[in-house]
Amino acid sequence: DAREVRFDGLAPIGYDYLVFGLGAEVNF
């Protein structure tokens, strides 16, 4: 809603476009 991402140790960053490329978890 706020178009913002929060981080550990870094100030929040607002965005106009957000790209998710965080990878995959191991599937056992």
mmCIF file of all heavy atoms, coordinates in Angstrom:
data_MODEL
# 
_entry.id   MODEL 
# 
loop_
_atom_site.group_PDB 
_atom_site.id 
_atom_site.type_symbol 
_atom_site.label_atom_id 
_atom_site.label_alt_id 
_atom_site.label_comp_id 
_atom_site.label_asym_id 
_atom_site.label_entity_id 
_atom_site.label_seq_id 
_atom_site.pdbx_PDB_ins_code 
_atom_site.Cartn_x 
_atom_site.Cartn_y 
_atom_site.Cartn_z 
_atom_site.occupancy 
_atom_site.B_iso_or_equiv 
_atom_site.pdbx_formal_charge 
_atom_site.auth_seq_id 
_atom_site.auth_comp_id 
_atom_site.auth_asym_id 
_atom_site.auth_atom_id 
_atom_site.pdbx_PDB_model_num 
ATOM 1   N N   . ASP A 1 1  ? 0.825  -1.213  0.000   1.00 0.00 ? 1  ASP A N   1 
ATOM 2   C CA  . ASP A 1 1  ? 0.000  0.000   0.000   1.00 0.00 ? 1  ASP A CA  1 
ATOM 3   C C   . ASP A 1 1  ? 0.858  1.262   0.000   1.00 0.00 ? 1  ASP A C   1 
ATOM 4   O O   . ASP A 1 1  ? 0.570  2.228   -0.709  1.00 0.00 ? 1  ASP A O   1 
ATOM 5   C CB  . ASP A 1 1  ? -0.933 0.009   1.224   1.00 0.00 ? 1  ASP A CB  1 
ATOM 6   C CG  . ASP A 1 1  ? -1.968 -1.108  1.160   1.00 0.00 ? 1  ASP A CG  1 
ATOM 7   O OD1 . ASP A 1 1  ? -2.377 -1.463  0.033   1.00 0.00 ? 1  ASP A OD1 1 
ATOM 8   O OD2 . ASP A 1 1  ? -2.352 -1.617  2.226   1.00 0.00 ? 1  ASP A OD2 1 
ATOM 9   N N   . ALA A 1 2  ? 1.935  1.237   0.786   1.00 0.00 ? 2  ALA A N   1 
ATOM 10  C CA  . ALA A 1 2  ? 2.811  2.403   0.860   1.00 0.00 ? 2  ALA A CA  1 
ATOM 11  C C   . ALA A 1 2  ? 3.881  2.398   -0.221  1.00 0.00 ? 2  ALA A C   1 
ATOM 12  O O   . ALA A 1 2  ? 4.641  3.358   -0.350  1.00 0.00 ? 2  ALA A O   1 
ATOM 13  C CB  . ALA A 1 2  ? 3.480  2.461   2.229   1.00 0.00 ? 2  ALA A CB  1 
ATOM 14  N N   . ARG A 1 3  ? 3.944  1.302   -0.985  1.00 0.00 ? 3  ARG A N   1 
ATOM 15  C CA  . ARG A 1 3  ? 4.989  1.132   -2.008  1.00 0.00 ? 3  ARG A CA  1 
ATOM 16  C C   . ARG A 1 3  ? 6.370  1.333   -1.388  1.00 0.00 ? 3  ARG A C   1 
ATOM 17  O O   . ARG A 1 3  ? 7.171  2.167   -1.831  1.00 0.00 ? 3  ARG A O   1 
ATOM 18  C CB  . ARG A 1 3  ? 4.785  2.087   -3.184  1.00 0.00 ? 3  ARG A CB  1 
ATOM 19  C CG  . ARG A 1 3  ? 3.614  1.720   -4.072  1.00 0.00 ? 3  ARG A CG  1 
ATOM 20  C CD  . ARG A 1 3  ? 3.443  2.691   -5.222  1.00 0.00 ? 3  ARG A CD  1 
ATOM 21  N NE  . ARG A 1 3  ? 2.451  2.236   -6.165  1.00 0.00 ? 3  ARG A NE  1 
ATOM 22  C CZ  . ARG A 1 3  ? 2.711  1.507   -7.242  1.00 0.00 ? 3  ARG A CZ  1 
ATOM 23  N NH1 . ARG A 1 3  ? 3.961  1.153   -7.499  1.00 0.00 ? 3  ARG A NH1 1 
ATOM 24  N NH2 . ARG A 1 3  ? 1.754  1.129   -8.067  1.00 0.00 ? 3  ARG A NH2 1 
ATOM 25  N N   . GLU A 1 4  ? 6.644  0.526   -0.361  1.00 0.00 ? 4  GLU A N   1 
ATOM 26  C CA  . GLU A 1 4  ? 7.875  0.670   0.387   1.00 0.00 ? 4  GLU A CA  1 
ATOM 27  C C   . GLU A 1 4  ? 8.358  -0.688  0.877   1.00 0.00 ? 4  GLU A C   1 
ATOM 28  O O   . GLU A 1 4  ? 7.556  -1.540  1.248   1.00 0.00 ? 4  GLU A O   1 
ATOM 29  C CB  . GLU A 1 4  ? 7.640  1.605   1.582   1.00 0.00 ? 4  GLU A CB  1 
ATOM 30  C CG  . GLU A 1 4  ? 8.868  1.888   2.409   1.00 0.00 ? 4  GLU A CG  1 
ATOM 31  C CD  . GLU A 1 4  ? 8.553  2.799   3.585   1.00 0.00 ? 4  GLU A CD  1 
ATOM 32  O OE1 . GLU A 1 4  ? 8.084  2.270   4.634   1.00 0.00 ? 4  GLU A OE1 1 
ATOM 33  O OE2 . GLU A 1 4  ? 8.748  4.024   3.458   1.00 0.00 ? 4  GLU A OE2 1 
ATOM 34  N N   . VAL A 1 5  ? 9.673  -0.880  0.861   1.00 0.00 ? 5  VAL A N   1 
ATOM 35  C CA  . VAL A 1 5  ? 10.275 -2.108  1.366   1.00 0.00 ? 5  VAL A CA  1 
ATOM 36  C C   . VAL A 1 5  ? 11.168 -1.755  2.546   1.00 0.00 ? 5  VAL A C   1 
ATOM 37  O O   . VAL A 1 5  ? 11.928 -0.781  2.507   1.00 0.00 ? 5  VAL A O   1 
ATOM 38  C CB  . VAL A 1 5  ? 11.104 -2.815  0.267   1.00 0.00 ? 5  VAL A CB  1 
ATOM 39  C CG1 . VAL A 1 5  ? 11.772 -4.077  0.827   1.00 0.00 ? 5  VAL A CG1 1 
ATOM 40  C CG2 . VAL A 1 5  ? 10.204 -3.184  -0.911  1.00 0.00 ? 5  VAL A CG2 1 
ATOM 41  N N   . ARG A 1 6  ? 11.063 -2.539  3.605   1.00 0.00 ? 6  ARG A N   1 
ATOM 42  C CA  . ARG A 1 6  ? 11.889 -2.319  4.793   1.00 0.00 ? 6  ARG A CA  1 
ATOM 43  C C   . ARG A 1 6  ? 12.978 -3.384  4.882   1.00 0.00 ? 6  ARG A C   1 
ATOM 44  O O   . ARG A 1 6  ? 12.790 -4.525  4.447   1.00 0.00 ? 6  ARG A O   1 
ATOM 45  C CB  . ARG A 1 6  ? 11.021 -2.325  6.054   1.00 0.00 ? 6  ARG A CB  1 
ATOM 46  C CG  . ARG A 1 6  ? 10.075 -1.132  6.110   1.00 0.00 ? 6  ARG A CG  1 
ATOM 47  C CD  . ARG A 1 6  ? 9.371  -1.040  7.461   1.00 0.00 ? 6  ARG A CD  1 
ATOM 48  N NE  . ARG A 1 6  ? 8.353  -2.068  7.617   1.00 0.00 ? 6  ARG A NE  1 
ATOM 49  C CZ  . ARG A 1 6  ? 7.104  -1.963  7.148   1.00 0.00 ? 6  ARG A CZ  1 
ATOM 50  N NH1 . ARG A 1 6  ? 6.736  -0.883  6.479   1.00 0.00 ? 6  ARG A NH1 1 
ATOM 51  N NH2 . ARG A 1 6  ? 6.233  -2.940  7.348   1.00 0.00 ? 6  ARG A NH2 1 
ATOM 52  N N   . PHE A 1 7  ? 14.097 -2.990  5.479   1.00 0.00 ? 7  PHE A N   1 
ATOM 53  C CA  . PHE A 1 7  ? 15.283 -3.850  5.519   1.00 0.00 ? 7  PHE A CA  1 
ATOM 54  C C   . PHE A 1 7  ? 15.888 -3.867  6.918   1.00 0.00 ? 7  PHE A C   1 
ATOM 55  O O   . PHE A 1 7  ? 15.587 -3.011  7.755   1.00 0.00 ? 7  PHE A O   1 
ATOM 56  C CB  . PHE A 1 7  ? 16.345 -3.351  4.524   1.00 0.00 ? 7  PHE A CB  1 
ATOM 57  C CG  . PHE A 1 7  ? 15.858 -3.201  3.123   1.00 0.00 ? 7  PHE A CG  1 
ATOM 58  C CD1 . PHE A 1 7  ? 15.321 -1.994  2.687   1.00 0.00 ? 7  PHE A CD1 1 
ATOM 59  C CD2 . PHE A 1 7  ? 15.925 -4.250  2.224   1.00 0.00 ? 7  PHE A CD2 1 
ATOM 60  C CE1 . PHE A 1 7  ? 14.867 -1.842  1.386   1.00 0.00 ? 7  PHE A CE1 1 
ATOM 61  C CE2 . PHE A 1 7  ? 15.469 -4.113  0.925   1.00 0.00 ? 7  PHE A CE2 1 
ATOM 62  C CZ  . PHE A 1 7  ? 14.941 -2.901  0.506   1.00 0.00 ? 7  PHE A CZ  1 
ATOM 63  N N   . ASP A 1 8  ? 16.758 -4.814  7.146   1.00 0.00 ? 8  ASP A N   1 
ATOM 64  C CA  . ASP A 1 8  ? 17.519 -4.893  8.383   1.00 0.00 ? 8  ASP A CA  1 
ATOM 65  C C   . ASP A 1 8  ? 18.811 -4.099  8.212   1.00 0.00 ? 8  ASP A C   1 
ATOM 66  O O   . ASP A 1 8  ? 19.682 -4.476  7.428   1.00 0.00 ? 8  ASP A O   1 
ATOM 67  C CB  . ASP A 1 8  ? 17.831 -6.357  8.712   1.00 0.00 ? 8  ASP A CB  1 
ATOM 68  C CG  . ASP A 1 8  ? 18.578 -6.519  10.026  1.00 0.00 ? 8  ASP A CG  1 
ATOM 69  O OD1 . ASP A 1 8  ? 18.648 -5.541  10.791  1.00 0.00 ? 8  ASP A OD1 1 
ATOM 70  O OD2 . ASP A 1 8  ? 19.094 -7.619  10.292  1.00 0.00 ? 8  ASP A OD2 1 
ATOM 71  N N   . GLY A 1 9  ? 18.932 -2.980  8.915   1.00 0.00 ? 9  GLY A N   1 
ATOM 72  C CA  . GLY A 1 9  ? 20.142 -2.177  8.849   1.00 0.00 ? 9  GLY A CA  1 
ATOM 73  C C   . GLY A 1 9  ? 20.206 -1.201  7.699   1.00 0.00 ? 9  GLY A C   1 
ATOM 74  O O   . GLY A 1 9  ? 21.261 -0.606  7.452   1.00 0.00 ? 9  GLY A O   1 
ATOM 75  N N   . LEU A 1 10 ? 19.119 -1.012  6.993   1.00 0.00 ? 10 LEU A N   1 
ATOM 76  C CA  . LEU A 1 10 ? 19.063 -0.066  5.872   1.00 0.00 ? 10 LEU A CA  1 
ATOM 77  C C   . LEU A 1 10 ? 17.730 0.669   5.926   1.00 0.00 ? 10 LEU A C   1 
ATOM 78  O O   . LEU A 1 10 ? 16.697 0.058   6.216   1.00 0.00 ? 10 LEU A O   1 
ATOM 79  C CB  . LEU A 1 10 ? 19.201 -0.811  4.534   1.00 0.00 ? 10 LEU A CB  1 
ATOM 80  C CG  . LEU A 1 10 ? 19.120 0.029   3.250   1.00 0.00 ? 10 LEU A CG  1 
ATOM 81  C CD1 . LEU A 1 10 ? 20.346 0.940   3.137   1.00 0.00 ? 10 LEU A CD1 1 
ATOM 82  C CD2 . LEU A 1 10 ? 19.026 -0.882  2.026   1.00 0.00 ? 10 LEU A CD2 1 
ATOM 83  N N   . ALA A 1 11 ? 17.750 1.960   5.664   1.00 0.00 ? 11 ALA A N   1 
ATOM 84  C CA  . ALA A 1 11 ? 16.518 2.750   5.699   1.00 0.00 ? 11 ALA A CA  1 
ATOM 85  C C   . ALA A 1 11 ? 15.523 2.229   4.671   1.00 0.00 ? 11 ALA A C   1 
ATOM 86  O O   . ALA A 1 11 ? 15.920 1.703   3.621   1.00 0.00 ? 11 ALA A O   1 
ATOM 87  C CB  . ALA A 1 11 ? 16.839 4.214   5.436   1.00 0.00 ? 11 ALA A CB  1 
ATOM 88  N N   . PRO A 1 12 ? 14.208 2.347   4.951   1.00 0.00 ? 12 PRO A N   1 
ATOM 89  C CA  . PRO A 1 12 ? 13.198 1.885   3.986   1.00 0.00 ? 12 PRO A CA  1 
ATOM 90  C C   . PRO A 1 12 ? 13.382 2.555   2.625   1.00 0.00 ? 12 PRO A C   1 
ATOM 91  O O   . PRO A 1 12 ? 13.818 3.705   2.539   1.00 0.00 ? 12 PRO A O   1 
ATOM 92  C CB  . PRO A 1 12 ? 11.877 2.306   4.639   1.00 0.00 ? 12 PRO A CB  1 
ATOM 93  C CG  . PRO A 1 12 ? 12.184 2.397   6.088   1.00 0.00 ? 12 PRO A CG  1 
ATOM 94  C CD  . PRO A 1 12 ? 13.610 2.895   6.173   1.00 0.00 ? 12 PRO A CD  1 
ATOM 95  N N   . ILE A 1 13 ? 13.060 1.836   1.586   1.00 0.00 ? 13 ILE A N   1 
ATOM 96  C CA  . ILE A 1 13 ? 13.177 2.355   0.217   1.00 0.00 ? 13 ILE A CA  1 
ATOM 97  C C   . ILE A 1 13 ? 11.812 2.289   -0.451  1.00 0.00 ? 13 ILE A C   1 
ATOM 98  O O   . ILE A 1 13 ? 11.182 1.228   -0.496  1.00 0.00 ? 13 ILE A O   1 
ATOM 99  C CB  . ILE A 1 13 ? 14.198 1.536   -0.600  1.00 0.00 ? 13 ILE A CB  1 
ATOM 100 C CG1 . ILE A 1 13 ? 15.583 1.618   0.040   1.00 0.00 ? 13 ILE A CG1 1 
ATOM 101 C CG2 . ILE A 1 13 ? 14.256 2.052   -2.042  1.00 0.00 ? 13 ILE A CG2 1 
ATOM 102 C CD1 . ILE A 1 13 ? 16.639 0.788   -0.675  1.00 0.00 ? 13 ILE A CD1 1 
ATOM 103 N N   . GLY A 1 14 ? 11.358 3.433   -0.957  1.00 0.00 ? 14 GLY A N   1 
ATOM 104 C CA  . GLY A 1 14 ? 10.117 3.468   -1.706  1.00 0.00 ? 14 GLY A CA  1 
ATOM 105 C C   . GLY A 1 14 ? 10.357 3.093   -3.155  1.00 0.00 ? 14 GLY A C   1 
ATOM 106 O O   . GLY A 1 14 ? 11.494 3.137   -3.640  1.00 0.00 ? 14 GLY A O   1 
ATOM 107 N N   . TYR A 1 15 ? 9.301  2.737   -3.853  1.00 0.00 ? 15 TYR A N   1 
ATOM 108 C CA  . TYR A 1 15 ? 9.468  2.307   -5.240  1.00 0.00 ? 15 TYR A CA  1 
ATOM 109 C C   . TYR A 1 15 ? 8.241  2.656   -6.075  1.00 0.00 ? 15 TYR A C   1 
ATOM 110 O O   . TYR A 1 15 ? 7.143  2.846   -5.557  1.00 0.00 ? 15 TYR A O   1 
ATOM 111 C CB  . TYR A 1 15 ? 9.701  0.800   -5.306  1.00 0.00 ? 15 TYR A CB  1 
ATOM 112 C CG  . TYR A 1 15 ? 8.533  -0.030  -4.795  1.00 0.00 ? 15 TYR A CG  1 
ATOM 113 C CD1 . TYR A 1 15 ? 7.455  -0.350  -5.624  1.00 0.00 ? 15 TYR A CD1 1 
ATOM 114 C CD2 . TYR A 1 15 ? 8.486  -0.467  -3.472  1.00 0.00 ? 15 TYR A CD2 1 
ATOM 115 C CE1 . TYR A 1 15 ? 6.380  -1.090  -5.157  1.00 0.00 ? 15 TYR A CE1 1 
ATOM 116 C CE2 . TYR A 1 15 ? 7.422  -1.198  -2.990  1.00 0.00 ? 15 TYR A CE2 1 
ATOM 117 C CZ  . TYR A 1 15 ? 6.365  -1.512  -3.843  1.00 0.00 ? 15 TYR A CZ  1 
ATOM 118 O OH  . TYR A 1 15 ? 5.289  -2.237  -3.373  1.00 0.00 ? 15 TYR A OH  1 
ATOM 119 N N   . ASP A 1 16 ? 8.449  2.743   -7.368  1.00 0.00 ? 16 ASP A N   1 
ATOM 120 C CA  . ASP A 1 16 ? 7.357  2.837   -8.336  1.00 0.00 ? 16 ASP A CA  1 
ATOM 121 C C   . ASP A 1 16 ? 7.089  1.476   -8.960  1.00 0.00 ? 16 ASP A C   1 
ATOM 122 O O   . ASP A 1 16 ? 5.955  1.138   -9.267  1.00 0.00 ? 16 ASP A O   1 
ATOM 123 C CB  . ASP A 1 16 ? 7.714  3.862   -9.431  1.00 0.00 ? 16 ASP A CB  1 
ATOM 124 C CG  . ASP A 1 16 ? 7.856  5.270   -8.875  1.00 0.00 ? 16 ASP A CG  1 
ATOM 125 O OD1 . ASP A 1 16 ? 6.830  5.858   -8.505  1.00 0.00 ? 16 ASP A OD1 1 
ATOM 126 O OD2 . ASP A 1 16 ? 9.006  5.753   -8.789  1.00 0.00 ? 16 ASP A OD2 1 
ATOM 127 N N   . TYR A 1 17 ? 8.171  0.715   -9.141  1.00 0.00 ? 17 TYR A N   1 
ATOM 128 C CA  . TYR A 1 17 ? 8.062  -0.650  -9.666  1.00 0.00 ? 17 TYR A CA  1 
ATOM 129 C C   . TYR A 1 17 ? 8.911  -1.565  -8.776  1.00 0.00 ? 17 TYR A C   1 
ATOM 130 O O   . TYR A 1 17 ? 10.037 -1.213  -8.418  1.00 0.00 ? 17 TYR A O   1 
ATOM 131 C CB  . TYR A 1 17 ? 8.567  -0.731  -11.112 1.00 0.00 ? 17 TYR A CB  1 
ATOM 132 C CG  . TYR A 1 17 ? 7.790  0.139   -12.073 1.00 0.00 ? 17 TYR A CG  1 
ATOM 133 C CD1 . TYR A 1 17 ? 8.253  1.418   -12.382 1.00 0.00 ? 17 TYR A CD1 1 
ATOM 134 C CD2 . TYR A 1 17 ? 6.606  -0.311  -12.663 1.00 0.00 ? 17 TYR A CD2 1 
ATOM 135 C CE1 . TYR A 1 17 ? 7.544  2.237   -13.258 1.00 0.00 ? 17 TYR A CE1 1 
ATOM 136 C CE2 . TYR A 1 17 ? 5.897  0.503   -13.538 1.00 0.00 ? 17 TYR A CE2 1 
ATOM 137 C CZ  . TYR A 1 17 ? 6.366  1.775   -13.830 1.00 0.00 ? 17 TYR A CZ  1 
ATOM 138 O OH  . TYR A 1 17 ? 5.662  2.573   -14.693 1.00 0.00 ? 17 TYR A OH  1 
ATOM 139 N N   . LEU A 1 18 ? 8.365  -2.714  -8.461  1.00 0.00 ? 18 LEU A N   1 
ATOM 140 C CA  . LEU A 1 18 ? 9.059  -3.658  -7.586  1.00 0.00 ? 18 LEU A CA  1 
ATOM 141 C C   . LEU A 1 18 ? 9.302  -4.963  -8.332  1.00 0.00 ? 18 LEU A C   1 
ATOM 142 O O   . LEU A 1 18 ? 8.375  -5.560  -8.879  1.00 0.00 ? 18 LEU A O   1 
ATOM 143 C CB  . LEU A 1 18 ? 8.223  -3.934  -6.335  1.00 0.00 ? 18 LEU A CB  1 
ATOM 144 C CG  . LEU A 1 18 ? 8.823  -4.918  -5.316  1.00 0.00 ? 18 LEU A CG  1 
ATOM 145 C CD1 . LEU A 1 18 ? 10.117 -4.359  -4.731  1.00 0.00 ? 18 LEU A CD1 1 
ATOM 146 C CD2 . LEU A 1 18 ? 7.823  -5.195  -4.199  1.00 0.00 ? 18 LEU A CD2 1 
ATOM 147 N N   . VAL A 1 19 ? 10.567 -5.394  -8.348  1.00 0.00 ? 19 VAL A N   1 
ATOM 148 C CA  . VAL A 1 19 ? 10.939 -6.650  -8.994  1.00 0.00 ? 19 VAL A CA  1 
ATOM 149 C C   . VAL A 1 19 ? 11.361 -7.633  -7.897  1.00 0.00 ? 19 VAL A C   1 
ATOM 150 O O   . VAL A 1 19 ? 12.257 -7.331  -7.103  1.00 0.00 ? 19 VAL A O   1 
ATOM 151 C CB  . VAL A 1 19 ? 12.098 -6.453  -9.990  1.00 0.00 ? 19 VAL A CB  1 
ATOM 152 C CG1 . VAL A 1 19 ? 12.512 -7.805  -10.593 1.00 0.00 ? 19 VAL A CG1 1 
ATOM 153 C CG2 . VAL A 1 19 ? 11.698 -5.480  -11.086 1.00 0.00 ? 19 VAL A CG2 1 
ATOM 154 N N   . PHE A 1 20 ? 10.698 -8.784  -7.862  1.00 0.00 ? 20 PHE A N   1 
ATOM 155 C CA  . PHE A 1 20 ? 11.024 -9.819  -6.879  1.00 0.00 ? 20 PHE A CA  1 
ATOM 156 C C   . PHE A 1 20 ? 11.893 -10.887 -7.530  1.00 0.00 ? 20 PHE A C   1 
ATOM 157 O O   . PHE A 1 20 ? 11.446 -11.587 -8.431  1.00 0.00 ? 20 PHE A O   1 
ATOM 158 C CB  . PHE A 1 20 ? 9.740  -10.468 -6.349  1.00 0.00 ? 20 PHE A CB  1 
ATOM 159 C CG  . PHE A 1 20 ? 9.442  -10.147 -4.921  1.00 0.00 ? 20 PHE A CG  1 
ATOM 160 C CD1 . PHE A 1 20 ? 8.852  -8.934  -4.592  1.00 0.00 ? 20 PHE A CD1 1 
ATOM 161 C CD2 . PHE A 1 20 ? 9.763  -11.028 -3.911  1.00 0.00 ? 20 PHE A CD2 1 
ATOM 162 C CE1 . PHE A 1 20 ? 8.572  -8.615  -3.279  1.00 0.00 ? 20 PHE A CE1 1 
ATOM 163 C CE2 . PHE A 1 20 ? 9.496  -10.720 -2.591  1.00 0.00 ? 20 PHE A CE2 1 
ATOM 164 C CZ  . PHE A 1 20 ? 8.900  -9.511  -2.269  1.00 0.00 ? 20 PHE A CZ  1 
ATOM 165 N N   . GLY A 1 21 ? 13.131 -11.001 -7.059  1.00 0.00 ? 21 GLY A N   1 
ATOM 166 C CA  . GLY A 1 21 ? 14.021 -12.042 -7.577  1.00 0.00 ? 21 GLY A CA  1 
ATOM 167 C C   . GLY A 1 21 ? 14.798 -12.663 -6.436  1.00 0.00 ? 21 GLY A C   1 
ATOM 168 O O   . GLY A 1 21 ? 16.018 -12.808 -6.511  1.00 0.00 ? 21 GLY A O   1 
ATOM 169 N N   . LEU A 1 22 ? 14.086 -13.022 -5.376  1.00 0.00 ? 22 LEU A N   1 
ATOM 170 C CA  . LEU A 1 22 ? 14.732 -13.462 -4.133  1.00 0.00 ? 22 LEU A CA  1 
ATOM 171 C C   . LEU A 1 22 ? 15.135 -14.929 -4.129  1.00 0.00 ? 22 LEU A C   1 
ATOM 172 O O   . LEU A 1 22 ? 15.643 -15.424 -3.126  1.00 0.00 ? 22 LEU A O   1 
ATOM 173 C CB  . LEU A 1 22 ? 13.812 -13.172 -2.936  1.00 0.00 ? 22 LEU A CB  1 
ATOM 174 C CG  . LEU A 1 22 ? 13.589 -11.678 -2.654  1.00 0.00 ? 22 LEU A CG  1 
ATOM 175 C CD1 . LEU A 1 22 ? 12.582 -11.486 -1.541  1.00 0.00 ? 22 LEU A CD1 1 
ATOM 176 C CD2 . LEU A 1 22 ? 14.903 -11.011 -2.288  1.00 0.00 ? 22 LEU A CD2 1 
ATOM 177 N N   . GLY A 1 23 ? 14.916 -15.643 -5.229  1.00 0.00 ? 23 GLY A N   1 
ATOM 178 C CA  . GLY A 1 23 ? 15.381 -17.019 -5.301  1.00 0.00 ? 23 GLY A CA  1 
ATOM 179 C C   . GLY A 1 23 ? 14.395 -18.012 -4.731  1.00 0.00 ? 23 GLY A C   1 
ATOM 180 O O   . GLY A 1 23 ? 13.241 -17.687 -4.441  1.00 0.00 ? 23 GLY A O   1 
ATOM 181 N N   . ALA A 1 24 ? 14.873 -19.238 -4.538  1.00 0.00 ? 24 ALA A N   1 
ATOM 182 C CA  . ALA A 1 24 ? 14.005 -20.331 -4.105  1.00 0.00 ? 24 ALA A CA  1 
ATOM 183 C C   . ALA A 1 24 ? 14.586 -20.997 -2.868  1.00 0.00 ? 24 ALA A C   1 
ATOM 184 O O   . ALA A 1 24 ? 15.787 -20.936 -2.603  1.00 0.00 ? 24 ALA A O   1 
ATOM 185 C CB  . ALA A 1 24 ? 13.865 -21.372 -5.222  1.00 0.00 ? 24 ALA A CB  1 
ATOM 186 N N   . GLU A 1 25 ? 13.719 -21.625 -2.125  1.00 0.00 ? 25 GLU A N   1 
ATOM 187 C CA  . GLU A 1 25 ? 14.148 -22.406 -0.968  1.00 0.00 ? 25 GLU A CA  1 
ATOM 188 C C   . GLU A 1 25 ? 14.392 -23.857 -1.410  1.00 0.00 ? 25 GLU A C   1 
ATOM 189 O O   . GLU A 1 25 ? 13.808 -24.330 -2.378  1.00 0.00 ? 25 GLU A O   1 
ATOM 190 C CB  . GLU A 1 25 ? 13.083 -22.384 0.126   1.00 0.00 ? 25 GLU A CB  1 
ATOM 191 C CG  . GLU A 1 25 ? 12.910 -21.024 0.791   1.00 0.00 ? 25 GLU A CG  1 
ATOM 192 C CD  . GLU A 1 25 ? 14.118 -20.618 1.614   1.00 0.00 ? 25 GLU A CD  1 
ATOM 193 O OE1 . GLU A 1 25 ? 14.752 -21.517 2.206   1.00 0.00 ? 25 GLU A OE1 1 
ATOM 194 O OE2 . GLU A 1 25 ? 14.440 -19.416 1.655   1.00 0.00 ? 25 GLU A OE2 1 
ATOM 195 N N   . VAL A 1 26 ? 15.230 -24.556 -0.667  1.00 0.00 ? 26 VAL A N   1 
ATOM 196 C CA  . VAL A 1 26 ? 15.490 -25.963 -0.966  1.00 0.00 ? 26 VAL A CA  1 
ATOM 197 C C   . VAL A 1 26 ? 14.241 -26.787 -0.656  1.00 0.00 ? 26 VAL A C   1 
ATOM 198 O O   . VAL A 1 26 ? 13.607 -26.596 0.376   1.00 0.00 ? 26 VAL A O   1 
ATOM 199 C CB  . VAL A 1 26 ? 16.666 -26.492 -0.124  1.00 0.00 ? 26 VAL A CB  1 
ATOM 200 C CG1 . VAL A 1 26 ? 16.936 -27.958 -0.448  1.00 0.00 ? 26 VAL A CG1 1 
ATOM 201 C CG2 . VAL A 1 26 ? 17.909 -25.651 -0.366  1.00 0.00 ? 26 VAL A CG2 1 
ATOM 202 N N   . ASN A 1 27 ? 13.878 -27.669 -1.559  1.00 0.00 ? 27 ASN A N   1 
ATOM 203 C CA  . ASN A 1 27 ? 12.717 -28.535 -1.369  1.00 0.00 ? 27 ASN A CA  1 
ATOM 204 C C   . ASN A 1 27 ? 13.200 -29.960 -1.112  1.00 0.00 ? 27 ASN A C   1 
ATOM 205 O O   . ASN A 1 27 ? 13.797 -30.585 -1.983  1.00 0.00 ? 27 ASN A O   1 
ATOM 206 C CB  . ASN A 1 27 ? 11.818 -28.503 -2.613  1.00 0.00 ? 27 ASN A CB  1 
ATOM 207 C CG  . ASN A 1 27 ? 10.509 -29.226 -2.399  1.00 0.00 ? 27 ASN A CG  1 
ATOM 208 O OD1 . ASN A 1 27 ? 10.340 -29.947 -1.418  1.00 0.00 ? 27 ASN A OD1 1 
ATOM 209 N ND2 . ASN A 1 27 ? 9.579  -29.039 -3.318  1.00 0.00 ? 27 ASN A ND2 1 
ATOM 210 N N   . PHE A 1 28 ? 12.940 -30.453 0.090   1.00 0.00 ? 28 PHE A N   1 
ATOM 211 C CA  . PHE A 1 28 ? 13.356 -31.815 0.433   1.00 0.00 ? 28 PHE A CA  1 
ATOM 212 C C   . PHE A 1 28 ? 12.236 -32.833 0.191   1.00 0.00 ? 28 PHE A C   1 
ATOM 213 O O   . PHE A 1 28 ? 12.381 -34.004 0.527   1.00 0.00 ? 28 PHE A O   1 
ATOM 214 C CB  . PHE A 1 28 ? 13.804 -31.875 1.897   1.00 0.00 ? 28 PHE A CB  1 
ATOM 215 C CG  . PHE A 1 28 ? 15.064 -31.104 2.169   1.00 0.00 ? 28 PHE A CG  1 
ATOM 216 C CD1 . PHE A 1 28 ? 15.024 -29.901 2.855   1.00 0.00 ? 28 PHE A CD1 1 
ATOM 217 C CD2 . PHE A 1 28 ? 16.291 -31.573 1.726   1.00 0.00 ? 28 PHE A CD2 1 
ATOM 218 C CE1 . PHE A 1 28 ? 16.188 -29.188 3.110   1.00 0.00 ? 28 PHE A CE1 1 
ATOM 219 C CE2 . PHE A 1 28 ? 17.461 -30.866 1.968   1.00 0.00 ? 28 PHE A CE2 1 
ATOM 220 C CZ  . PHE A 1 28 ? 17.400 -29.669 2.664   1.00 0.00 ? 28 PHE A CZ  1 
# 
